[in-house]
Amino acid sequence: MGRPGNAQTPHILTVPGLMNSGPGHWQSQWETLFPACHRVDLGSWDRPHRNSWVNRLDQTINALDGPILLAAHSLGCHAVAWWAALACPNWSDKIQGALLVAPPEVDARAADSRLHGFAPLPQRLLPFPSIFVASHNDPYMPFERSRELAQAWGSQFADAGETGHINAQSGLGDWTFGRFLLTRLAKGQASARHGKGDAYVSDRGIGDGSLHYPS
């Protein structure tokens, strides 16, 4: 199922994970680099609570007019998935797309018990276009498990190579590959609700990664 294009410049909402994102994180750099890019204050960064995070995200989204791009990292991806399941059960034209980067395991396999409250993860198609980005050496979720979750969510799948947890420690700067993927979402070039999760985007030949809004 496609969605009509929207020429209005979208808001970009960054959705960090556990312990928030520091100044060296690509999310923090995007907030400086891109116009209309703001962080969702989920609160209780060190003791995440699923329903509280979902409510904070819902309030932030509802307070904005116009299309929105979500750029979530780690546990923030699961806040987005749970928001979709609990507060956005039907197709959303407001969410132009979601970039879901390095979601971690949250069930008994998760080393940090603070993540267990987000289990079990939703296993339904997301009601908006999405790109799921995974790294081969992410210590918090195996690569093949990431592919399976992307399929369950109906997300296009992007291979970020060996970039760890795709965070500040990965040394990505403002993360050219991520900017390229966000541009795909902004231009409506990510398919949605296909339910296969098999669209593959390689970290090669992506130009300068500049974000270009649709005109």
N, C-alpha and C. Protein backbone atom coordinates (compact mmCIF):
# COMPACT_ATOMS: atom_id res chain seq x y z
N MET A 1 0.84 -1.19 0.00
CA MET A 1 0.00 0.00 0.00
C MET A 1 0.88 1.24 0.00
N GLY A 2 0.68 2.11 -0.95
CA GLY A 2 1.46 3.34 -1.01
C GLY A 2 0.78 4.45 -0.26
N ARG A 3 1.41 5.63 -0.29
CA ARG A 3 0.81 6.80 0.33
C ARG A 3 1.09 7.98 -0.57
N PRO A 4 0.20 8.96 -0.62
CA PRO A 4 0.44 10.10 -1.49
C PRO A 4 1.62 10.92 -1.03
N GLY A 5 2.30 11.58 -1.96
CA GLY A 5 3.42 12.43 -1.60
C GLY A 5 2.94 13.65 -0.85
N ASN A 6 3.84 14.22 -0.05
CA ASN A 6 3.51 15.42 0.71
C ASN A 6 4.66 16.40 0.53
N ALA A 7 4.37 17.55 -0.10
CA ALA A 7 5.42 18.51 -0.42
C ALA A 7 5.81 19.35 0.79
N GLN A 8 5.07 19.27 1.88
CA GLN A 8 5.38 20.06 3.06
C GLN A 8 6.64 19.51 3.74
N THR A 9 7.53 20.41 4.15
CA THR A 9 8.75 19.97 4.82
C THR A 9 8.40 19.25 6.12
N PRO A 10 8.89 18.02 6.32
CA PRO A 10 8.51 17.28 7.52
C PRO A 10 9.29 17.71 8.75
N HIS A 11 8.67 17.56 9.90
CA HIS A 11 9.39 17.61 11.16
C HIS A 11 10.19 16.32 11.27
N ILE A 12 11.36 16.40 11.89
CA ILE A 12 12.15 15.21 12.20
C ILE A 12 12.21 15.09 13.71
N LEU A 13 11.74 13.97 14.23
CA LEU A 13 11.79 13.71 15.67
C LEU A 13 12.79 12.60 15.94
N THR A 14 13.83 12.90 16.71
CA THR A 14 14.75 11.86 17.13
C THR A 14 14.21 11.21 18.41
N VAL A 15 14.31 9.89 18.46
CA VAL A 15 13.79 9.12 19.59
C VAL A 15 14.94 8.27 20.13
N PRO A 16 15.66 8.75 21.15
CA PRO A 16 16.81 8.02 21.67
C PRO A 16 16.40 6.79 22.47
N GLY A 17 17.40 6.02 22.86
CA GLY A 17 17.17 4.84 23.66
C GLY A 17 17.60 5.03 25.10
N LEU A 18 17.93 3.92 25.74
CA LEU A 18 18.35 3.91 27.14
C LEU A 18 19.50 4.90 27.37
N MET A 19 19.39 5.70 28.40
CA MET A 19 20.41 6.67 28.82
C MET A 19 20.55 7.86 27.89
N ASN A 20 19.61 8.02 26.93
CA ASN A 20 19.60 9.17 26.04
C ASN A 20 20.81 9.12 25.09
N SER A 21 20.93 10.09 24.21
CA SER A 21 22.03 10.17 23.25
C SER A 21 22.89 11.39 23.55
N GLY A 22 24.20 11.17 23.69
CA GLY A 22 25.12 12.25 24.01
C GLY A 22 25.49 13.09 22.80
N PRO A 23 26.36 14.09 22.99
CA PRO A 23 26.69 15.03 21.91
C PRO A 23 27.38 14.40 20.72
N GLY A 24 28.06 13.26 20.89
CA GLY A 24 28.73 12.62 19.78
C GLY A 24 27.85 11.69 18.97
N HIS A 25 26.62 11.52 19.40
CA HIS A 25 25.69 10.61 18.73
C HIS A 25 25.15 11.26 17.46
N TRP A 26 24.89 10.46 16.43
CA TRP A 26 24.36 11.00 15.17
C TRP A 26 23.02 11.69 15.38
N GLN A 27 22.21 11.21 16.33
CA GLN A 27 20.94 11.90 16.58
C GLN A 27 21.17 13.33 17.04
N SER A 28 22.12 13.52 17.95
CA SER A 28 22.42 14.87 18.45
C SER A 28 22.95 15.75 17.32
N GLN A 29 23.76 15.17 16.46
CA GLN A 29 24.31 15.95 15.35
C GLN A 29 23.22 16.31 14.34
N TRP A 30 22.29 15.43 14.11
CA TRP A 30 21.19 15.74 13.19
C TRP A 30 20.34 16.89 13.72
N GLU A 31 20.18 16.96 15.04
CA GLU A 31 19.37 18.03 15.62
C GLU A 31 20.00 19.40 15.36
N THR A 32 21.31 19.43 15.21
CA THR A 32 22.01 20.67 14.87
C THR A 32 22.02 20.89 13.36
N LEU A 33 22.12 19.81 12.62
CA LEU A 33 22.31 19.88 11.17
C LEU A 33 21.03 20.18 10.40
N PHE A 34 19.92 19.57 10.80
CA PHE A 34 18.69 19.64 10.02
C PHE A 34 17.70 20.65 10.60
N PRO A 35 17.00 21.38 9.74
CA PRO A 35 15.93 22.25 10.23
C PRO A 35 14.77 21.41 10.75
N ALA A 36 14.08 21.94 11.73
CA ALA A 36 12.88 21.28 12.27
C ALA A 36 13.17 19.87 12.78
N CYS A 37 14.38 19.68 13.34
CA CYS A 37 14.74 18.38 13.93
C CYS A 37 14.84 18.56 15.44
N HIS A 38 14.03 17.80 16.16
CA HIS A 38 13.96 17.96 17.61
C HIS A 38 13.92 16.59 18.28
N ARG A 39 14.37 16.55 19.51
CA ARG A 39 14.39 15.32 20.29
C ARG A 39 13.10 15.15 21.07
N VAL A 40 12.61 13.92 21.12
CA VAL A 40 11.47 13.59 21.97
C VAL A 40 12.00 13.34 23.38
N ASP A 41 11.51 14.11 24.34
CA ASP A 41 11.92 13.93 25.73
C ASP A 41 11.08 12.82 26.33
N LEU A 42 11.62 11.62 26.33
CA LEU A 42 10.88 10.47 26.84
C LEU A 42 10.89 10.41 28.36
N GLY A 43 11.83 11.13 28.99
CA GLY A 43 11.92 11.11 30.45
C GLY A 43 12.44 9.77 30.96
N SER A 44 12.78 9.72 32.23
CA SER A 44 13.26 8.49 32.88
C SER A 44 14.20 7.71 31.97
N TRP A 45 15.23 8.41 31.48
CA TRP A 45 16.16 7.78 30.53
C TRP A 45 16.88 6.58 31.12
N ASP A 46 17.13 6.61 32.43
CA ASP A 46 17.88 5.51 33.05
C ASP A 46 16.98 4.39 33.55
N ARG A 47 15.68 4.65 33.65
CA ARG A 47 14.72 3.62 34.06
C ARG A 47 13.50 3.68 33.14
N PRO A 48 13.66 3.20 31.94
CA PRO A 48 12.58 3.33 30.94
C PRO A 48 11.34 2.56 31.33
N HIS A 49 10.19 3.17 31.05
CA HIS A 49 8.90 2.54 31.30
C HIS A 49 8.12 2.59 30.00
N ARG A 50 7.69 1.45 29.52
CA ARG A 50 7.09 1.38 28.19
C ARG A 50 5.93 2.34 28.01
N ASN A 51 4.94 2.28 28.87
CA ASN A 51 3.75 3.11 28.69
C ASN A 51 4.06 4.60 28.83
N SER A 52 4.97 4.93 29.73
CA SER A 52 5.36 6.33 29.89
C SER A 52 6.04 6.84 28.63
N TRP A 53 6.94 6.05 28.08
CA TRP A 53 7.62 6.46 26.85
C TRP A 53 6.63 6.58 25.70
N VAL A 54 5.71 5.65 25.59
CA VAL A 54 4.70 5.71 24.52
C VAL A 54 3.85 6.96 24.67
N ASN A 55 3.45 7.28 25.89
CA ASN A 55 2.63 8.48 26.12
C ASN A 55 3.40 9.75 25.76
N ARG A 56 4.66 9.82 26.14
CA ARG A 56 5.48 11.00 25.82
C ARG A 56 5.61 11.16 24.29
N LEU A 57 5.84 10.05 23.62
CA LEU A 57 5.95 10.09 22.16
C LEU A 57 4.64 10.52 21.53
N ASP A 58 3.55 9.99 22.04
CA ASP A 58 2.23 10.32 21.51
C ASP A 58 1.93 11.81 21.68
N GLN A 59 2.24 12.35 22.84
CA GLN A 59 2.00 13.78 23.10
C GLN A 59 2.82 14.66 22.16
N THR A 60 4.06 14.27 21.93
CA THR A 60 4.93 15.06 21.04
C THR A 60 4.42 15.03 19.61
N ILE A 61 4.02 13.87 19.14
CA ILE A 61 3.51 13.74 17.78
C ILE A 61 2.22 14.53 17.61
N ASN A 62 1.32 14.43 18.58
CA ASN A 62 0.03 15.12 18.47
C ASN A 62 0.17 16.63 18.56
N ALA A 63 1.26 17.12 19.14
CA ALA A 63 1.45 18.56 19.28
C ALA A 63 1.95 19.22 17.99
N LEU A 64 2.33 18.42 17.00
CA LEU A 64 2.89 18.95 15.76
C LEU A 64 1.87 18.91 14.63
N ASP A 65 1.92 19.92 13.79
CA ASP A 65 1.14 19.93 12.56
C ASP A 65 2.06 19.56 11.40
N GLY A 66 1.51 18.86 10.42
CA GLY A 66 2.29 18.50 9.25
C GLY A 66 2.94 17.14 9.38
N PRO A 67 3.61 16.70 8.31
CA PRO A 67 4.20 15.35 8.29
C PRO A 67 5.40 15.25 9.23
N ILE A 68 5.66 14.02 9.67
CA ILE A 68 6.72 13.76 10.64
C ILE A 68 7.57 12.59 10.16
N LEU A 69 8.89 12.74 10.29
CA LEU A 69 9.83 11.64 10.14
C LEU A 69 10.36 11.28 11.52
N LEU A 70 10.33 10.00 11.87
CA LEU A 70 10.87 9.54 13.13
C LEU A 70 12.25 8.94 12.89
N ALA A 71 13.22 9.33 13.71
CA ALA A 71 14.58 8.78 13.62
C ALA A 71 14.92 8.20 14.98
N ALA A 72 14.66 6.91 15.14
CA ALA A 72 14.77 6.26 16.45
C ALA A 72 16.03 5.40 16.52
N HIS A 73 16.58 5.31 17.72
CA HIS A 73 17.76 4.48 17.94
C HIS A 73 17.55 3.58 19.15
N SER A 74 18.01 2.35 19.03
CA SER A 74 18.06 1.40 20.12
C SER A 74 16.67 1.21 20.75
N LEU A 75 16.54 1.38 22.06
CA LEU A 75 15.25 1.16 22.72
C LEU A 75 14.19 2.13 22.23
N GLY A 76 14.61 3.28 21.69
CA GLY A 76 13.65 4.21 21.10
C GLY A 76 12.87 3.60 19.96
N CYS A 77 13.48 2.64 19.25
CA CYS A 77 12.76 1.95 18.17
C CYS A 77 11.57 1.18 18.72
N HIS A 78 11.75 0.58 19.89
CA HIS A 78 10.66 -0.19 20.48
C HIS A 78 9.59 0.73 21.05
N ALA A 79 9.97 1.93 21.47
CA ALA A 79 8.96 2.91 21.85
C ALA A 79 8.09 3.26 20.65
N VAL A 80 8.72 3.40 19.48
CA VAL A 80 7.97 3.68 18.25
C VAL A 80 7.06 2.51 17.90
N ALA A 81 7.58 1.29 17.98
CA ALA A 81 6.78 0.11 17.63
C ALA A 81 5.59 -0.04 18.57
N TRP A 82 5.81 0.20 19.86
CA TRP A 82 4.70 0.10 20.81
C TRP A 82 3.72 1.25 20.64
N TRP A 83 4.21 2.44 20.29
CA TRP A 83 3.30 3.54 20.00
C TRP A 83 2.41 3.18 18.82
N ALA A 84 2.99 2.58 17.79
CA ALA A 84 2.21 2.17 16.63
C ALA A 84 1.15 1.14 17.03
N ALA A 85 1.51 0.22 17.92
CA ALA A 85 0.58 -0.83 18.32
C ALA A 85 -0.53 -0.33 19.23
N LEU A 86 -0.20 0.61 20.12
CA LEU A 86 -1.16 1.04 21.14
C LEU A 86 -1.91 2.31 20.79
N ALA A 87 -1.26 3.23 20.08
CA ALA A 87 -1.86 4.55 19.84
C ALA A 87 -2.12 4.84 18.37
N CYS A 88 -1.61 4.00 17.49
CA CYS A 88 -1.75 4.27 16.06
C CYS A 88 -2.08 2.97 15.33
N PRO A 89 -3.24 2.37 15.61
CA PRO A 89 -3.56 1.06 15.04
C PRO A 89 -3.85 1.07 13.55
N ASN A 90 -4.21 2.23 13.01
CA ASN A 90 -4.56 2.33 11.59
C ASN A 90 -3.50 3.11 10.83
N TRP A 91 -3.60 3.06 9.51
CA TRP A 91 -2.63 3.74 8.67
C TRP A 91 -2.53 5.22 9.04
N SER A 92 -1.30 5.71 9.20
CA SER A 92 -1.08 7.10 9.61
C SER A 92 -0.47 7.89 8.47
N ASP A 93 -1.20 8.90 7.98
CA ASP A 93 -0.64 9.80 6.98
C ASP A 93 0.28 10.83 7.63
N LYS A 94 0.17 11.00 8.94
CA LYS A 94 0.99 12.00 9.62
C LYS A 94 2.45 11.56 9.70
N ILE A 95 2.67 10.26 9.90
CA ILE A 95 4.03 9.74 9.97
C ILE A 95 4.49 9.42 8.55
N GLN A 96 5.37 10.25 8.03
CA GLN A 96 5.86 10.07 6.67
C GLN A 96 6.80 8.88 6.58
N GLY A 97 7.44 8.55 7.67
CA GLY A 97 8.32 7.39 7.69
C GLY A 97 9.07 7.32 9.00
N ALA A 98 9.62 6.14 9.29
CA ALA A 98 10.40 5.93 10.51
C ALA A 98 11.70 5.23 10.16
N LEU A 99 12.80 5.79 10.63
CA LEU A 99 14.11 5.17 10.53
C LEU A 99 14.38 4.50 11.87
N LEU A 100 14.49 3.19 11.87
CA LEU A 100 14.60 2.39 13.09
C LEU A 100 15.99 1.78 13.13
N VAL A 101 16.84 2.30 14.00
CA VAL A 101 18.26 1.98 13.97
C VAL A 101 18.67 1.16 15.18
N ALA A 102 19.15 -0.05 14.93
CA ALA A 102 19.75 -0.91 15.95
C ALA A 102 18.85 -1.18 17.15
N PRO A 103 17.63 -1.67 16.93
CA PRO A 103 16.81 -2.06 18.08
C PRO A 103 17.48 -3.22 18.83
N PRO A 104 17.45 -3.22 20.15
CA PRO A 104 18.05 -4.31 20.92
C PRO A 104 17.04 -5.40 21.26
N GLU A 105 17.56 -6.54 21.70
CA GLU A 105 16.69 -7.55 22.30
C GLU A 105 16.13 -6.98 23.61
N VAL A 106 14.91 -7.35 23.94
CA VAL A 106 14.33 -6.85 25.19
C VAL A 106 13.78 -7.97 26.07
N ASP A 107 13.78 -9.20 25.57
CA ASP A 107 13.24 -10.30 26.36
C ASP A 107 14.33 -10.85 27.27
N ALA A 108 14.21 -12.11 27.65
CA ALA A 108 15.16 -12.70 28.59
C ALA A 108 16.58 -12.72 28.05
N ARG A 109 16.73 -12.59 26.71
CA ARG A 109 18.07 -12.58 26.12
C ARG A 109 18.78 -11.25 26.35
N ALA A 110 18.06 -10.22 26.73
CA ALA A 110 18.65 -8.90 26.95
C ALA A 110 19.47 -8.90 28.24
N ALA A 111 20.71 -8.45 28.14
CA ALA A 111 21.58 -8.45 29.31
C ALA A 111 21.13 -7.45 30.36
N ASP A 112 20.50 -6.37 29.93
CA ASP A 112 20.06 -5.31 30.85
C ASP A 112 18.59 -5.52 31.17
N SER A 113 18.29 -5.81 32.42
CA SER A 113 16.92 -6.12 32.82
C SER A 113 15.98 -4.92 32.67
N ARG A 114 16.52 -3.72 32.55
CA ARG A 114 15.68 -2.54 32.39
C ARG A 114 14.91 -2.56 31.07
N LEU A 115 15.35 -3.39 30.14
CA LEU A 115 14.70 -3.47 28.83
C LEU A 115 13.55 -4.46 28.81
N HIS A 116 13.45 -5.30 29.84
CA HIS A 116 12.47 -6.39 29.82
C HIS A 116 11.04 -5.89 29.80
N GLY A 117 10.79 -4.69 30.29
CA GLY A 117 9.43 -4.16 30.31
C GLY A 117 8.86 -3.87 28.94
N PHE A 118 9.70 -3.89 27.91
CA PHE A 118 9.23 -3.66 26.54
C PHE A 118 8.89 -4.97 25.83
N ALA A 119 9.11 -6.09 26.50
CA ALA A 119 8.79 -7.40 25.92
C ALA A 119 7.36 -7.80 26.29
N PRO A 120 6.72 -8.64 25.46
CA PRO A 120 7.18 -9.12 24.14
C PRO A 120 7.01 -8.02 23.09
N LEU A 121 7.86 -8.03 22.09
CA LEU A 121 7.79 -7.00 21.07
C LEU A 121 6.57 -7.18 20.17
N PRO A 122 5.98 -6.07 19.70
CA PRO A 122 4.89 -6.19 18.72
C PRO A 122 5.37 -6.94 17.48
N GLN A 123 4.50 -7.78 16.95
CA GLN A 123 4.84 -8.57 15.77
C GLN A 123 3.84 -8.27 14.65
N ARG A 124 3.54 -7.00 14.44
CA ARG A 124 2.58 -6.61 13.43
C ARG A 124 3.20 -5.57 12.52
N LEU A 125 2.63 -5.43 11.31
CA LEU A 125 3.13 -4.45 10.37
C LEU A 125 2.96 -3.04 10.93
N LEU A 126 3.96 -2.22 10.78
CA LEU A 126 3.86 -0.83 11.19
C LEU A 126 2.95 -0.07 10.24
N PRO A 127 2.17 0.89 10.75
CA PRO A 127 1.19 1.60 9.91
C PRO A 127 1.77 2.82 9.20
N PHE A 128 3.04 2.74 8.82
CA PHE A 128 3.71 3.80 8.07
C PHE A 128 4.98 3.21 7.46
N PRO A 129 5.54 3.86 6.43
CA PRO A 129 6.79 3.36 5.84
C PRO A 129 7.92 3.36 6.87
N SER A 130 8.80 2.38 6.78
CA SER A 130 9.91 2.31 7.73
C SER A 130 11.11 1.62 7.10
N ILE A 131 12.28 2.00 7.59
CA ILE A 131 13.54 1.35 7.22
C ILE A 131 14.21 0.91 8.51
N PHE A 132 14.54 -0.35 8.58
CA PHE A 132 15.16 -0.97 9.75
C PHE A 132 16.65 -1.12 9.44
N VAL A 133 17.51 -0.52 10.26
CA VAL A 133 18.95 -0.54 10.03
C VAL A 133 19.64 -1.42 11.07
N ALA A 134 20.47 -2.35 10.60
CA ALA A 134 21.15 -3.27 11.50
C ALA A 134 22.63 -3.37 11.17
N SER A 135 23.41 -3.70 12.18
CA SER A 135 24.86 -3.87 12.05
C SER A 135 25.21 -5.34 12.30
N HIS A 136 26.22 -5.82 11.59
CA HIS A 136 26.62 -7.23 11.73
C HIS A 136 27.21 -7.53 13.10
N ASN A 137 27.80 -6.54 13.75
CA ASN A 137 28.44 -6.80 15.04
C ASN A 137 27.81 -6.00 16.18
N ASP A 138 26.51 -5.76 16.07
CA ASP A 138 25.78 -5.12 17.17
C ASP A 138 25.71 -6.11 18.33
N PRO A 139 26.22 -5.75 19.51
CA PRO A 139 26.21 -6.69 20.63
C PRO A 139 24.84 -6.91 21.25
N TYR A 140 23.84 -6.11 20.84
CA TYR A 140 22.54 -6.16 21.51
C TYR A 140 21.45 -6.87 20.72
N MET A 141 21.71 -7.22 19.46
CA MET A 141 20.78 -8.04 18.70
C MET A 141 21.53 -8.67 17.53
N PRO A 142 21.46 -10.00 17.37
CA PRO A 142 22.11 -10.65 16.24
C PRO A 142 21.53 -10.16 14.91
N PHE A 143 22.38 -10.14 13.89
CA PHE A 143 21.99 -9.61 12.59
C PHE A 143 20.78 -10.34 12.01
N GLU A 144 20.77 -11.65 12.09
CA GLU A 144 19.65 -12.42 11.52
C GLU A 144 18.37 -12.19 12.30
N ARG A 145 18.48 -12.01 13.59
CA ARG A 145 17.30 -11.69 14.39
C ARG A 145 16.75 -10.33 13.97
N SER A 146 17.64 -9.39 13.63
CA SER A 146 17.20 -8.09 13.14
C SER A 146 16.41 -8.23 11.85
N ARG A 147 16.88 -9.08 10.95
CA ARG A 147 16.17 -9.30 9.69
C ARG A 147 14.77 -9.85 9.96
N GLU A 148 14.66 -10.76 10.91
CA GLU A 148 13.35 -11.34 11.24
C GLU A 148 12.40 -10.28 11.78
N LEU A 149 12.91 -9.40 12.64
CA LEU A 149 12.06 -8.37 13.22
C LEU A 149 11.64 -7.35 12.16
N ALA A 150 12.56 -7.03 11.26
CA ALA A 150 12.21 -6.13 10.15
C ALA A 150 11.09 -6.73 9.31
N GLN A 151 11.14 -8.03 9.09
CA GLN A 151 10.08 -8.69 8.32
C GLN A 151 8.75 -8.60 9.05
N ALA A 152 8.76 -8.83 10.36
CA ALA A 152 7.52 -8.76 11.14
C ALA A 152 6.91 -7.37 11.10
N TRP A 153 7.75 -6.35 11.07
CA TRP A 153 7.27 -4.97 11.06
C TRP A 153 6.99 -4.46 9.65
N GLY A 154 7.32 -5.23 8.63
CA GLY A 154 7.11 -4.79 7.26
C GLY A 154 8.06 -3.69 6.85
N SER A 155 9.24 -3.67 7.44
CA SER A 155 10.21 -2.61 7.18
C SER A 155 11.18 -3.01 6.07
N GLN A 156 11.62 -2.03 5.29
CA GLN A 156 12.76 -2.27 4.43
C GLN A 156 13.98 -2.48 5.31
N PHE A 157 14.91 -3.30 4.84
CA PHE A 157 16.06 -3.66 5.66
C PHE A 157 17.32 -3.04 5.10
N ALA A 158 18.10 -2.39 5.95
CA ALA A 158 19.35 -1.74 5.54
C ALA A 158 20.52 -2.32 6.32
N ASP A 159 21.54 -2.73 5.60
CA ASP A 159 22.75 -3.31 6.17
C ASP A 159 23.78 -2.20 6.40
N ALA A 160 24.10 -1.93 7.64
CA ALA A 160 25.05 -0.87 7.98
C ALA A 160 26.47 -1.38 8.14
N GLY A 161 26.73 -2.61 7.72
CA GLY A 161 28.07 -3.17 7.84
C GLY A 161 28.41 -3.50 9.28
N GLU A 162 29.68 -3.41 9.63
CA GLU A 162 30.13 -3.67 10.99
C GLU A 162 30.34 -2.33 11.70
N THR A 163 29.26 -1.84 12.27
CA THR A 163 29.28 -0.52 12.91
C THR A 163 28.81 -0.59 14.36
N GLY A 164 28.95 -1.76 14.97
CA GLY A 164 28.59 -1.89 16.37
C GLY A 164 27.12 -1.59 16.62
N HIS A 165 26.85 -0.82 17.66
CA HIS A 165 25.47 -0.48 18.01
C HIS A 165 25.00 0.79 17.29
N ILE A 166 25.76 1.25 16.32
CA ILE A 166 25.43 2.42 15.50
C ILE A 166 25.14 3.62 16.40
N ASN A 167 26.09 3.87 17.29
CA ASN A 167 25.94 4.95 18.26
C ASN A 167 27.20 5.83 18.26
N ALA A 168 27.38 6.63 19.28
CA ALA A 168 28.54 7.52 19.32
C ALA A 168 29.84 6.74 19.31
N GLN A 169 29.87 5.58 19.96
CA GLN A 169 31.08 4.76 20.01
C GLN A 169 31.45 4.19 18.63
N SER A 170 30.51 4.22 17.70
CA SER A 170 30.78 3.71 16.35
C SER A 170 31.58 4.70 15.52
N GLY A 171 31.72 5.94 15.99
CA GLY A 171 32.52 6.94 15.29
C GLY A 171 31.96 7.33 13.94
N LEU A 172 30.65 7.50 13.85
CA LEU A 172 29.99 7.76 12.57
C LEU A 172 29.83 9.23 12.25
N GLY A 173 30.13 10.11 13.18
CA GLY A 173 29.89 11.53 12.94
C GLY A 173 28.41 11.78 12.75
N ASP A 174 28.06 12.53 11.69
CA ASP A 174 26.64 12.76 11.43
C ASP A 174 26.04 11.66 10.54
N TRP A 175 26.76 10.60 10.34
CA TRP A 175 26.30 9.34 9.75
C TRP A 175 25.70 9.52 8.36
N THR A 176 26.58 9.52 7.37
CA THR A 176 26.18 9.72 5.98
C THR A 176 25.15 8.70 5.52
N PHE A 177 25.37 7.42 5.86
CA PHE A 177 24.44 6.38 5.42
C PHE A 177 23.05 6.61 5.99
N GLY A 178 22.97 6.99 7.27
CA GLY A 178 21.68 7.27 7.88
C GLY A 178 20.98 8.44 7.23
N ARG A 179 21.75 9.46 6.85
CA ARG A 179 21.17 10.62 6.17
C ARG A 179 20.60 10.22 4.81
N PHE A 180 21.31 9.34 4.13
CA PHE A 180 20.82 8.82 2.86
C PHE A 180 19.48 8.10 3.04
N LEU A 181 19.40 7.26 4.07
CA LEU A 181 18.16 6.51 4.31
C LEU A 181 17.02 7.44 4.71
N LEU A 182 17.32 8.46 5.50
CA LEU A 182 16.28 9.41 5.88
C LEU A 182 15.77 10.15 4.65
N THR A 183 16.66 10.43 3.71
CA THR A 183 16.25 11.07 2.47
C THR A 183 15.30 10.18 1.68
N ARG A 184 15.56 8.88 1.68
CA ARG A 184 14.64 7.94 1.01
C ARG A 184 13.24 8.04 1.61
N LEU A 185 13.17 8.11 2.92
CA LEU A 185 11.87 8.25 3.57
C LEU A 185 11.23 9.59 3.25
N ALA A 186 12.03 10.65 3.27
CA ALA A 186 11.50 11.99 3.00
C ALA A 186 10.95 12.10 1.59
N LYS A 187 11.56 11.37 0.66
CA LYS A 187 11.13 11.41 -0.74
C LYS A 187 10.06 10.37 -1.05
N GLY A 188 9.63 9.62 -0.04
CA GLY A 188 8.63 8.59 -0.28
C GLY A 188 9.15 7.41 -1.07
N GLN A 189 10.45 7.12 -0.95
CA GLN A 189 11.07 6.05 -1.73
C GLN A 189 11.17 4.74 -0.97
N ALA A 190 10.63 4.70 0.23
CA ALA A 190 10.59 3.46 0.99
C ALA A 190 9.18 2.90 0.91
N SER A 191 9.05 1.68 0.42
CA SER A 191 7.73 1.07 0.33
C SER A 191 7.22 0.78 1.73
N ALA A 192 5.92 0.57 1.82
CA ALA A 192 5.30 0.42 3.13
C ALA A 192 4.33 -0.75 3.15
N ARG A 193 4.26 -1.39 4.28
CA ARG A 193 3.30 -2.45 4.54
C ARG A 193 3.40 -3.58 3.53
N HIS A 194 4.63 -3.82 3.04
CA HIS A 194 4.79 -4.94 2.12
C HIS A 194 4.90 -6.26 2.87
N GLY A 195 5.27 -6.20 4.15
CA GLY A 195 5.25 -7.38 4.99
C GLY A 195 6.32 -8.38 4.71
N LYS A 196 7.32 -8.03 3.89
CA LYS A 196 8.36 -8.99 3.56
C LYS A 196 9.68 -8.65 4.24
N GLY A 197 9.94 -7.37 4.43
CA GLY A 197 11.18 -6.98 5.09
C GLY A 197 12.42 -7.36 4.31
N ASP A 198 12.31 -7.53 2.99
CA ASP A 198 13.43 -8.07 2.23
C ASP A 198 14.07 -7.05 1.30
N ALA A 199 13.67 -5.79 1.37
CA ALA A 199 14.31 -4.76 0.56
C ALA A 199 15.65 -4.44 1.19
N TYR A 200 16.72 -4.54 0.42
CA TYR A 200 18.07 -4.48 0.97
C TYR A 200 18.77 -3.22 0.50
N VAL A 201 19.29 -2.44 1.41
CA VAL A 201 20.02 -1.23 1.08
C VAL A 201 21.44 -1.39 1.58
N SER A 202 22.40 -1.32 0.68
CA SER A 202 23.80 -1.53 1.05
C SER A 202 24.48 -0.21 1.37
N ASP A 203 25.44 -0.24 2.26
CA ASP A 203 26.20 0.94 2.63
C ASP A 203 27.30 1.20 1.60
N ARG A 204 26.91 1.34 0.34
CA ARG A 204 27.85 1.58 -0.74
C ARG A 204 27.18 2.46 -1.78
N GLY A 205 27.97 3.28 -2.45
CA GLY A 205 27.47 4.05 -3.58
C GLY A 205 26.31 4.95 -3.26
N ILE A 206 26.39 5.68 -2.14
CA ILE A 206 25.23 6.45 -1.69
C ILE A 206 25.42 7.95 -1.85
N GLY A 207 26.44 8.37 -2.58
CA GLY A 207 26.64 9.80 -2.77
C GLY A 207 27.11 10.46 -1.49
N ASP A 208 26.75 11.72 -1.31
CA ASP A 208 27.25 12.47 -0.16
C ASP A 208 26.36 12.37 1.05
N GLY A 209 25.23 11.70 0.93
CA GLY A 209 24.35 11.53 2.07
C GLY A 209 23.61 12.78 2.49
N SER A 210 23.61 13.80 1.66
CA SER A 210 22.90 15.03 2.02
C SER A 210 21.40 14.78 2.07
N LEU A 211 20.76 15.39 3.03
CA LEU A 211 19.31 15.24 3.15
C LEU A 211 18.64 16.26 2.24
N HIS A 212 17.85 15.78 1.30
CA HIS A 212 17.11 16.65 0.40
C HIS A 212 15.63 16.42 0.62
N TYR A 213 14.92 17.45 1.04
CA TYR A 213 13.49 17.34 1.22
C TYR A 213 12.81 17.33 -0.14
N PRO A 214 11.65 16.66 -0.25
CA PRO A 214 10.92 16.71 -1.51
C PRO A 214 10.47 18.13 -1.80
N SER A 215 10.56 18.52 -3.06
CA SER A 215 10.18 19.88 -3.44
C SER A 215 8.72 19.94 -3.83
